[in-house]
C-alpha atoms as a PDB file:
ATOM      1  CA  MET A   1     -26.362 -31.677 -16.213  1.00  0.00           C
ATOM      2  CA  GLU A   2     -27.803 -32.376 -19.323  1.00  0.00           C
ATOM      3  CA  ALA A   3     -30.131 -34.986 -17.773  1.00  0.00           C
ATOM      4  CA  GLU A   4     -31.274 -32.645 -15.200  1.00  0.00           C
ATOM      5  CA  ALA A   5     -32.350 -30.090 -17.826  1.00  0.00           C
ATOM      6  CA  PRO A   6     -35.717 -31.882 -18.854  1.00  0.00           C
ATOM      7  CA  LEU A   7     -36.709 -32.092 -15.251  1.00  0.00           C
ATOM      8  CA  GLN A   8     -35.867 -28.643 -14.323  1.00  0.00           C
ATOM      9  CA  THR A   9     -37.789 -27.663 -17.625  1.00  0.00           C
ATOM     10  CA  TRP A  10     -40.818 -29.462 -16.299  1.00  0.00           C
ATOM     11  CA  LYS A  11     -40.857 -28.203 -12.967  1.00  0.00           C
ATOM     12  CA  ASP A  12     -40.670 -24.751 -14.262  1.00  0.00           C
ATOM     13  CA  ARG A  13     -43.482 -25.401 -16.608  1.00  0.00           C
ATOM     14  CA  ALA A  14     -45.466 -26.935 -13.960  1.00  0.00           C
ATOM     15  CA  ARG A  15     -44.836 -23.944 -11.566  1.00  0.00           C
ATOM     16  CA  GLY A  16     -45.894 -21.639 -14.398  1.00  0.00           C
ATOM     17  CA  LEU A  17     -49.288 -23.658 -14.480  1.00  0.00           C
ATOM     18  CA  LEU A  18     -49.947 -23.273 -10.900  1.00  0.00           C
ATOM     19  CA  ASP A  19     -49.202 -19.532 -10.878  1.00  0.00           C
ATOM     20  CA  GLY A  20     -51.703 -19.503 -13.593  1.00  0.00           C
ATOM     21  CA  LEU A  21     -54.210 -21.445 -11.953  1.00  0.00           C
ATOM     22  CA  GLY A  22     -53.743 -19.154  -8.375  1.00  0.00           C
ATOM     23  CA  GLY A  23     -50.351 -19.976  -7.335  1.00  0.00           C
ATOM     24  CA  GLU A  24     -49.535 -21.039  -3.623  1.00  0.00           C
ATOM     25  CA  PRO A  25     -53.635 -20.979  -2.743  1.00  0.00           C
ATOM     26  CA  ALA A  26     -54.181 -23.457  -5.550  1.00  0.00           C
ATOM     27  CA  ILE A  27     -51.647 -25.685  -4.343  1.00  0.00           C
ATOM     28  CA  VAL A  28     -53.313 -25.861  -1.130  1.00  0.00           C
ATOM     29  CA  ILE A  29     -56.818 -26.204  -2.002  1.00  0.00           C
ATOM     30  CA  TYR A  30     -56.579 -28.124  -4.966  1.00  0.00           C
ATOM     31  CA  ALA A  31     -54.366 -30.992  -3.108  1.00  0.00           C
ATOM     32  CA  GLY A  32     -55.780 -30.186   0.475  1.00  0.00           C
ATOM     33  CA  SER A  33     -59.400 -31.230  -1.207  1.00  0.00           C
ATOM     34  CA  ALA A  34     -58.164 -34.260  -3.092  1.00  0.00           C
ATOM     35  CA  LEU A  35     -56.375 -35.501   0.200  1.00  0.00           C
ATOM     36  CA  LEU A  36     -59.527 -35.080   2.173  1.00  0.00           C
ATOM     37  CA  ILE A  37     -61.824 -37.011  -0.358  1.00  0.00           C
ATOM     38  CA  VAL A  38     -59.234 -39.733  -0.412  1.00  0.00           C
ATOM     39  CA  SER A  39     -59.067 -40.001   3.497  1.00  0.00           C
ATOM     40  CA  HIS A  40     -62.878 -40.090   3.439  1.00  0.00           C
ATOM     41  CA  TYR A  41     -62.849 -42.971   0.986  1.00  0.00           C
ATOM     42  CA  GLN A  42     -59.923 -45.003   1.611  1.00  0.00           C
ATOM     43  CA  GLY A  43     -58.598 -44.170   5.252  1.00  0.00           C
ATOM     44  CA  SER A  44     -61.699 -44.626   7.111  1.00  0.00           C
ATOM     45  CA  ALA A  45     -62.427 -47.665   9.535  1.00  0.00           C
ATOM     46  CA  GLY A  46     -65.295 -48.735   7.334  1.00  0.00           C
ATOM     47  CA  PHE A  47     -62.740 -49.034   4.208  1.00  0.00           C
ATOM     48  CA  TRP A  48     -60.332 -51.405   6.346  1.00  0.00           C
ATOM     49  CA  ARG A  49     -63.339 -53.496   7.366  1.00  0.00           C
ATOM     50  CA  SER A  50     -64.519 -53.956   3.463  1.00  0.00           C
ATOM     51  CA  LEU A  51     -60.716 -54.542   2.613  1.00  0.00           C
ATOM     52  CA  VAL A  52     -59.895 -57.358   5.038  1.00  0.00           C
ATOM     53  CA  GLY A  53     -63.358 -58.636   5.653  1.00  0.00           C
ATOM     54  CA  ALA A  54     -63.468 -61.334   8.393  1.00  0.00           C
ATOM     55  CA  ARG A  55     -59.717 -62.031   8.428  1.00  0.00           C
ATOM     56  CA  PHE A  56     -58.860 -60.178  11.402  1.00  0.00           C
ATOM     57  CA  ASP A  57     -62.089 -61.228  13.642  1.00  0.00           C
ATOM     58  CA  THR A  58     -60.399 -63.447  15.767  1.00  0.00           C
ATOM     59  CA  HIS A  59     -57.421 -61.111  16.420  1.00  0.00           C
ATOM     60  CA  PRO A  60     -56.887 -59.713  19.991  1.00  0.00           C
ATOM     61  CA  TRP A  61     -57.399 -56.070  18.951  1.00  0.00           C
ATOM     62  CA  ALA A  62     -60.134 -56.981  16.297  1.00  0.00           C
ATOM     63  CA  GLY A  63     -62.233 -53.836  17.589  1.00  0.00           C
ATOM     64  CA  ALA A  64     -59.404 -51.427  17.357  1.00  0.00           C
ATOM     65  CA  LEU A  65     -57.768 -52.173  14.095  1.00  0.00           C
ATOM     66  CA  GLY A  66     -60.028 -50.433  11.776  1.00  0.00           C
ATOM     67  CA  TYR A  67     -59.432 -47.257  13.973  1.00  0.00           C
ATOM     68  CA  LEU A  68     -55.723 -47.807  13.846  1.00  0.00           C
ATOM     69  CA  TRP A  69     -55.890 -48.139  10.241  1.00  0.00           C
ATOM     70  CA  TRP A  70     -57.821 -44.823  10.273  1.00  0.00           C
ATOM     71  CA  PHE A  71     -55.377 -42.931  12.114  1.00  0.00           C
ATOM     72  CA  GLY A  72     -52.191 -44.325  10.358  1.00  0.00           C
ATOM     73  CA  SER A  73     -53.866 -43.384   6.900  1.00  0.00           C
ATOM     74  CA  SER A  74     -54.864 -39.804   8.133  1.00  0.00           C
ATOM     75  CA  PHE A  75     -51.115 -39.320   9.347  1.00  0.00           C
ATOM     76  CA  VAL A  76     -49.868 -40.019   5.993  1.00  0.00           C
ATOM     77  CA  LEU A  77     -52.695 -38.016   3.845  1.00  0.00           C
ATOM     78  CA  TYR A  78     -52.821 -35.178   6.725  1.00  0.00           C
ATOM     79  CA  LEU A  79     -49.165 -34.681   7.282  1.00  0.00           C
ATOM     80  CA  VAL A  80     -46.683 -37.014   5.063  1.00  0.00           C
ATOM     81  CA  MET A  81     -48.278 -36.145   1.448  1.00  0.00           C
ATOM     82  CA  PRO A  82     -48.681 -32.141   2.287  1.00  0.00           C
ATOM     83  CA  LEU A  83     -45.022 -32.559   2.760  1.00  0.00           C
ATOM     84  CA  VAL A  84     -44.607 -34.322  -0.023  1.00  0.00           C
ATOM     85  CA  VAL A  85     -46.338 -31.754  -2.211  1.00  0.00           C
ATOM     86  CA  SER A  86     -44.195 -29.244  -0.403  1.00  0.00           C
ATOM     87  CA  PHE A  87     -41.082 -30.861  -1.762  1.00  0.00           C
ATOM     88  CA  ALA A  88     -42.245 -30.908  -5.076  1.00  0.00           C
ATOM     89  CA  THR A  89     -43.066 -27.285  -5.100  1.00  0.00           C
ATOM     90  CA  LYS A  90     -39.814 -26.333  -3.244  1.00  0.00           C
ATOM     91  CA  GLY A  91     -39.397 -22.800  -2.453  1.00  0.00           C
ATOM     92  CA  ARG A  92     -42.970 -22.247  -2.424  1.00  0.00           C
ATOM     93  CA  PHE A  93     -44.512 -22.288   1.202  1.00  0.00           C
ATOM     94  CA  HIS A  94     -42.171 -25.268   2.976  1.00  0.00           C
ATOM     95  CA  GLU A  95     -40.706 -22.806   5.199  1.00  0.00           C
ATOM     96  CA  ARG A  96     -43.889 -21.516   6.968  1.00  0.00           C
ATOM     97  CA  TYR A  97     -45.460 -24.433   8.241  1.00  0.00           C
ATOM     98  CA  GLY A  98     -45.777 -23.743  11.979  1.00  0.00           C
ATOM     99  CA  PHE A  99     -43.196 -26.582  12.879  1.00  0.00           C
ATOM    100  CA  GLN A 100     -42.052 -24.564  15.904  1.00  0.00           C
ATOM    101  CA  TRP A 101     -43.206 -23.447  19.325  1.00  0.00           C
ATOM    102  CA  GLY A 102     -43.573 -19.753  18.079  1.00  0.00           C
ATOM    103  CA  ASP A 103     -44.679 -17.449  20.728  1.00  0.00           C
ATOM    104  CA  TRP A 104     -44.794 -20.176  23.441  1.00  0.00           C
ATOM    105  CA  LYS A 105     -45.895 -17.484  26.284  1.00  0.00           C
ATOM    106  CA  GLU A 106     -48.911 -16.631  24.217  1.00  0.00           C
ATOM    107  CA  GLY A 107     -49.697 -20.019  23.311  1.00  0.00           C
ATOM    108  CA  LEU A 108     -49.732 -21.685  26.845  1.00  0.00           C
ATOM    109  CA  LYS A 109     -51.887 -18.819  28.179  1.00  0.00           C
ATOM    110  CA  ILE A 110     -54.445 -19.248  25.533  1.00  0.00           C
ATOM    111  CA  SER A 111     -54.164 -23.058  25.698  1.00  0.00           C
ATOM    112  CA  ALA A 112     -54.562 -22.737  30.035  1.00  0.00           C
ATOM    113  CA  LEU A 113     -57.626 -20.455  29.540  1.00  0.00           C
ATOM    114  CA  PHE A 114     -59.310 -22.781  27.122  1.00  0.00           C
ATOM    115  CA  LEU A 115     -58.691 -25.932  28.828  1.00  0.00           C
ATOM    116  CA  ALA A 116     -60.143 -24.160  32.203  1.00  0.00           C
ATOM    117  CA  VAL A 117     -63.407 -23.782  30.375  1.00  0.00           C
ATOM    118  CA  MET A 118     -63.550 -26.746  28.237  1.00  0.00           C
ATOM    119  CA  LEU A 119     -62.915 -29.705  30.404  1.00  0.00           C
ATOM    120  CA  PRO A 120     -65.040 -28.443  33.048  1.00  0.00           C
ATOM    121  CA  ALA A 121     -67.671 -28.324  30.461  1.00  0.00           C
ATOM    122  CA  THR A 122     -66.996 -31.350  28.711  1.00  0.00           C
ATOM    123  CA  TYR A 123     -67.357 -33.267  32.346  1.00  0.00           C
ATOM    124  CA  VAL A 124     -70.637 -31.652  32.800  1.00  0.00           C
ATOM    125  CA  ALA A 125     -71.735 -32.890  29.156  1.00  0.00           C
ATOM    126  CA  SER A 126     -70.210 -36.330  29.885  1.00  0.00           C
ATOM    127  CA  LYS A 127     -73.287 -37.049  31.982  1.00  0.00           C
ATOM    128  CA  LEU A 128     -75.977 -36.396  29.541  1.00  0.00           C
ATOM    129  CA  ASP A 129     -77.562 -39.349  27.625  1.00  0.00           C
ATOM    130  CA  SER A 130     -76.711 -37.556  24.118  1.00  0.00           C
ATOM    131  CA  PHE A 131     -73.027 -37.490  25.128  1.00  0.00           C
ATOM    132  CA  LYS A 132     -73.217 -41.359  26.415  1.00  0.00           C
ATOM    133  CA  GLY A 133     -74.731 -42.202  23.070  1.00  0.00           C
ATOM    134  CA  ILE A 134     -71.915 -40.756  20.722  1.00  0.00           C
ATOM    135  CA  TYR A 135     -68.717 -41.095  22.939  1.00  0.00           C
ATOM    136  CA  PRO A 136     -66.371 -42.769  22.371  1.00  0.00           C
ATOM    137  CA  LEU A 137     -66.546 -42.373  19.298  1.00  0.00           C
ATOM    138  CA  ALA A 138     -64.909 -45.631  18.191  1.00  0.00           C
ATOM    139  CA  GLY A 139     -67.362 -47.344  20.737  1.00  0.00           C
ATOM    140  CA  ASN A 140     -66.060 -49.424  23.466  1.00  0.00           C
ATOM    141  CA  SER A 141     -65.255 -52.315  21.233  1.00  0.00           C
ATOM    142  CA  ALA A 142     -62.001 -50.418  20.452  1.00  0.00           C
ATOM    143  CA  PHE A 143     -60.731 -50.809  24.140  1.00  0.00           C
ATOM    144  CA  MET A 144     -61.687 -54.313  24.413  1.00  0.00           C
ATOM    145  CA  GLU A 145     -59.136 -57.365  24.000  1.00  0.00           C
ATOM    146  CA  ASN A 146     -60.352 -60.515  22.260  1.00  0.00           C
ATOM    147  CA  LEU A 147     -59.348 -63.071  24.803  1.00  0.00           C
ATOM    148  CA  GLY A 148     -60.724 -66.079  22.565  1.00  0.00           C
ATOM    149  CA  GLY A 149     -63.805 -68.189  22.958  1.00  0.00           C
ATOM    150  CA  GLY A 150     -66.236 -65.296  22.907  1.00  0.00           C
ATOM    151  CA  LYS A 151     -64.658 -63.741  25.774  1.00  0.00           C
ATOM    152  CA  THR A 152     -63.335 -59.739  25.998  1.00  0.00           C
ATOM    153  CA  SER A 153     -61.960 -57.590  28.403  1.00  0.00           C
ATOM    154  CA  VAL A 154     -61.140 -54.067  28.651  1.00  0.00           C
ATOM    155  CA  SER A 155     -57.727 -53.577  28.080  1.00  0.00           C
ATOM    156  CA  TRP A 156     -55.498 -50.669  29.197  1.00  0.00           C
ATOM    157  CA  LYS A 157     -52.681 -51.593  26.790  1.00  0.00           C
ATOM    158  CA  LEU A 158     -55.156 -51.537  24.010  1.00  0.00           C
ATOM    159  CA  PHE A 159     -56.540 -48.256  25.455  1.00  0.00           C
ATOM    160  CA  LEU A 160     -53.087 -46.412  25.387  1.00  0.00           C
ATOM    161  CA  VAL A 161     -52.202 -47.555  21.948  1.00  0.00           C
ATOM    162  CA  TYR A 162     -55.471 -46.394  20.400  1.00  0.00           C
ATOM    163  CA  GLU A 163     -54.930 -42.990  22.286  1.00  0.00           C
ATOM    164  CA  ALA A 164     -51.505 -42.704  20.922  1.00  0.00           C
ATOM    165  CA  GLY A 165     -52.788 -43.401  17.570  1.00  0.00           C
ATOM    166  CA  TYR A 166     -55.615 -41.072  18.024  1.00  0.00           C
ATOM    167  CA  MET A 167     -52.881 -38.233  19.237  1.00  0.00           C
ATOM    168  CA  ALA A 168     -50.845 -39.121  16.000  1.00  0.00           C
ATOM    169  CA  TYR A 169     -54.252 -38.597  14.072  1.00  0.00           C
ATOM    170  CA  PHE A 170     -54.779 -35.074  15.678  1.00  0.00           C
ATOM    171  CA  PHE A 171     -50.892 -33.902  15.359  1.00  0.00           C
ATOM    172  CA  ALA A 172     -51.520 -34.265  11.363  1.00  0.00           C
ATOM    173  CA  TRP A 173     -55.254 -32.892  11.351  1.00  0.00           C
ATOM    174  CA  GLU A 174     -53.809 -29.714  12.852  1.00  0.00           C
ATOM    175  CA  PHE A 175     -51.130 -29.763  10.731  1.00  0.00           C
ATOM    176  CA  LEU A 176     -53.136 -29.938   7.500  1.00  0.00           C
ATOM    177  CA  PHE A 177     -55.761 -27.278   8.567  1.00  0.00           C
ATOM    178  CA  ARG A 178     -53.282 -24.981  10.906  1.00  0.00           C
ATOM    179  CA  GLY A 179     -50.000 -25.721   9.642  1.00  0.00           C
ATOM    180  CA  TRP A 180     -50.481 -26.247   5.850  1.00  0.00           C
ATOM    181  CA  MET A 181     -53.588 -24.537   4.616  1.00  0.00           C
ATOM    182  CA  VAL A 182     -53.541 -21.621   6.930  1.00  0.00           C
ATOM    183  CA  ASN A 183     -49.909 -20.629   6.135  1.00  0.00           C
ATOM    184  CA  GLY A 184     -50.148 -21.625   2.409  1.00  0.00           C
ATOM    185  CA  LEU A 185     -52.964 -19.150   2.146  1.00  0.00           C
ATOM    186  CA  VAL A 186     -51.807 -16.189   4.303  1.00  0.00           C
ATOM    187  CA  PRO A 187     -49.161 -14.692   1.957  1.00  0.00           C
ATOM    188  CA  LYS A 188     -51.409 -14.132  -0.860  1.00  0.00           C
ATOM    189  CA  TRP A 189     -54.804 -14.017   0.706  1.00  0.00           C
ATOM    190  CA  GLY A 190     -54.159 -12.367   4.159  1.00  0.00           C
ATOM    191  CA  ARG A 191     -54.429 -14.014   7.779  1.00  0.00           C
ATOM    192  CA  ALA A 192     -58.289 -13.000   7.840  1.00  0.00           C
ATOM    193  CA  GLN A 193     -59.248 -14.830   4.567  1.00  0.00           C
ATOM    194  CA  ALA A 194     -56.816 -17.613   5.230  1.00  0.00           C
ATOM    195  CA  ILE A 195     -58.419 -18.936   8.477  1.00  0.00           C
ATOM    196  CA  LEU A 196     -61.921 -18.514   7.204  1.00  0.00           C
ATOM    197  CA  VAL A 197     -61.387 -20.549   4.292  1.00  0.00           C
ATOM    198  CA  GLN A 198     -59.704 -23.419   6.226  1.00  0.00           C
ATOM    199  CA  VAL A 199     -62.761 -23.384   8.619  1.00  0.00           C
ATOM    200  CA  MET A 200     -65.080 -24.742   5.711  1.00  0.00           C
ATOM    201  CA  PRO A 201     -63.564 -28.030   5.099  1.00  0.00           C
ATOM    202  CA  PHE A 202     -62.674 -28.209   8.829  1.00  0.00           C
ATOM    203  CA  ALA A 203     -66.496 -27.877   9.713  1.00  0.00           C
ATOM    204  CA  VAL A 204     -67.490 -30.364   7.047  1.00  0.00           C
ATOM    205  CA  MET A 205     -65.484 -33.176   8.583  1.00  0.00           C
ATOM    206  CA  HIS A 206     -67.255 -33.116  12.097  1.00  0.00           C
ATOM    207  CA  LEU A 207     -70.549 -34.292   9.967  1.00  0.00           C
ATOM    208  CA  GLY A 208     -71.777 -37.364  11.651  1.00  0.00           C
ATOM    209  CA  LYS A 209     -70.955 -35.965  15.095  1.00  0.00           C
ATOM    210  CA  ALA A 210     -73.032 -34.786  17.614  1.00  0.00           C
ATOM    211  CA  GLU A 211     -74.696 -31.740  16.343  1.00  0.00           C
ATOM    212  CA  LEU A 212     -73.731 -29.237  18.773  1.00  0.00           C
ATOM    213  CA  GLU A 213     -69.887 -30.359  18.213  1.00  0.00           C
ATOM    214  CA  ALA A 214     -70.490 -29.863  14.564  1.00  0.00           C
ATOM    215  CA  LEU A 215     -71.826 -26.472  14.848  1.00  0.00           C
ATOM    216  CA  GLY A 216     -69.545 -25.598  17.437  1.00  0.00           C
ATOM    217  CA  SER A 217     -66.470 -26.471  15.033  1.00  0.00           C
ATOM    218  CA  ILE A 218     -67.077 -23.302  12.935  1.00  0.00           C
ATOM    219  CA  VAL A 219     -66.327 -21.250  15.893  1.00  0.00           C
ATOM    220  CA  ALA A 220     -63.582 -23.738  16.932  1.00  0.00           C
ATOM    221  CA  GLY A 221     -62.067 -23.624  13.386  1.00  0.00           C
ATOM    222  CA  VAL A 222     -61.841 -19.707  13.585  1.00  0.00           C
ATOM    223  CA  ALA A 223     -60.420 -19.852  17.032  1.00  0.00           C
ATOM    224  CA  LEU A 224     -57.545 -22.408  16.285  1.00  0.00           C
ATOM    225  CA  GLY A 225     -56.755 -20.591  13.267  1.00  0.00           C
ATOM    226  CA  ILE A 226     -56.264 -17.489  15.121  1.00  0.00           C
ATOM    227  CA  LEU A 227     -53.905 -19.050  17.258  1.00  0.00           C
ATOM    228  CA  ALA A 228     -51.949 -20.684  14.896  1.00  0.00           C
ATOM    229  CA  VAL A 229     -51.554 -17.289  13.162  1.00  0.00           C
ATOM    230  CA  ARG A 230     -50.879 -15.392  16.447  1.00  0.00           C
ATOM    231  CA  THR A 231     -48.314 -18.096  17.806  1.00  0.00           C
ATOM    232  CA  ARG A 232     -46.986 -18.866  14.381  1.00  0.00           C
ATOM    233  CA  SER A 233     -47.237 -22.654  15.172  1.00  0.00           C
ATOM    234  CA  PHE A 234     -50.100 -25.293  15.240  1.00  0.00           C
ATOM    235  CA  PHE A 235     -48.867 -27.058  18.151  1.00  0.00           C
ATOM    236  CA  TYR A 236     -51.086 -25.600  20.734  1.00  0.00           C
ATOM    237  CA  GLY A 237     -54.254 -26.144  18.426  1.00  0.00           C
ATOM    238  CA  PHE A 238     -52.893 -29.897  18.557  1.00  0.00           C
ATOM    239  CA  PHE A 239     -52.342 -29.792  22.182  1.00  0.00           C
ATOM    240  CA  LEU A 240     -56.133 -28.271  22.752  1.00  0.00           C
ATOM    241  CA  HIS A 241     -57.756 -30.714  20.204  1.00  0.00           C
ATOM    242  CA  GLY A 242     -56.265 -33.915  21.545  1.00  0.00           C
ATOM    243  CA  ALA A 243     -56.476 -32.801  25.298  1.00  0.00           C
ATOM    244  CA  VAL A 244     -59.892 -32.399  24.790  1.00  0.00           C
ATOM    245  CA  ALA A 245     -60.313 -35.492  22.787  1.00  0.00           C
ATOM    246  CA  PHE A 246     -58.710 -37.872  24.894  1.00  0.00           C
ATOM    247  CA  TRP A 247     -60.618 -36.306  28.036  1.00  0.00           C
ATOM    248  CA  MET A 248     -63.837 -37.185  26.099  1.00  0.00           C
ATOM    249  CA  ASP A 249     -62.638 -40.797  26.030  1.00  0.00           C
ATOM    250  CA  TRP A 250     -61.627 -41.095  29.405  1.00  0.00           C
ATOM    251  CA  LEU A 251     -64.673 -39.848  30.652  1.00  0.00           C
ATOM    252  CA  SER A 252     -66.530 -42.354  28.575  1.00  0.00           C
ATOM    253  CA  VAL A 253     -64.859 -45.462  29.470  1.00  0.00           C
ATOM    254  CA  HIS A 254     -62.624 -44.320  32.993  1.00  0.00           C
ATOM    255  CA  ASP A 255     -64.905 -46.576  34.757  1.00  0.00           C
ATOM    256  CA  LYS A 256     -64.685 -49.698  32.848  1.00  0.00           C
ATOM    257  CA  LEU A 257     -60.703 -49.352  32.761  1.00  0.00           C
ATOM    258  CA  LEU A 258     -60.472 -48.504  36.496  1.00  0.00           C
ATOM    259  CA  ASN A 259     -62.295 -51.709  37.027  1.00  0.00           C
ATOM    260  CA  ALA A 260     -60.493 -54.147  34.819  1.00  0.00           C
END
């Protein structure tokens, strides 16, 4: 018990300091900002390439390894680390993350309506040259298996592994913005303010994508935030985000996969 006293005192002081800086919203904003910055610099496919150089150029999955690094590091930074922060500040907001189905009837109804609009719209957009020049975001090389001797081939296995990693990325992404940020801000700031605050970093994270998609992320961020609050779950946002992303990749490479 005596050994635990200094630790408990340290925790009490840390919580008192955080309360003085703004309490729960401060934890979310400070830690969330730091995690997004680390993700930008150390969690990217470009960082992977600078880290390993040419050592994996002959690997069968050389074109995908950098993106798998991106997905894995994002999963750690967007999901695991916020949970660690929650554990370190136990009793603050660890029970309000949206790790539940919540109002599943409302969630499924809204998801079905959204997909009924977005999937056909994305299909039409996939015929545009501007779409073909950007998607898939990883480029076709991410789905090409290195056979050696300068030969490559489109790989179903690699496509499925890539998409599985992509879905893990979106699960962590939606948790960060619509699970952790929204639910961490709602108690003190209210629903409207919490939703609007998470839209700003969410939109900024879309820089570098097609301009219409980047601008649309503002509306999407509000809509997904409202969905998370109404259903008390970030699962539906993940389902929608992941489904549209997979659909966009499929539209970009399905002809090559089907002819593989």
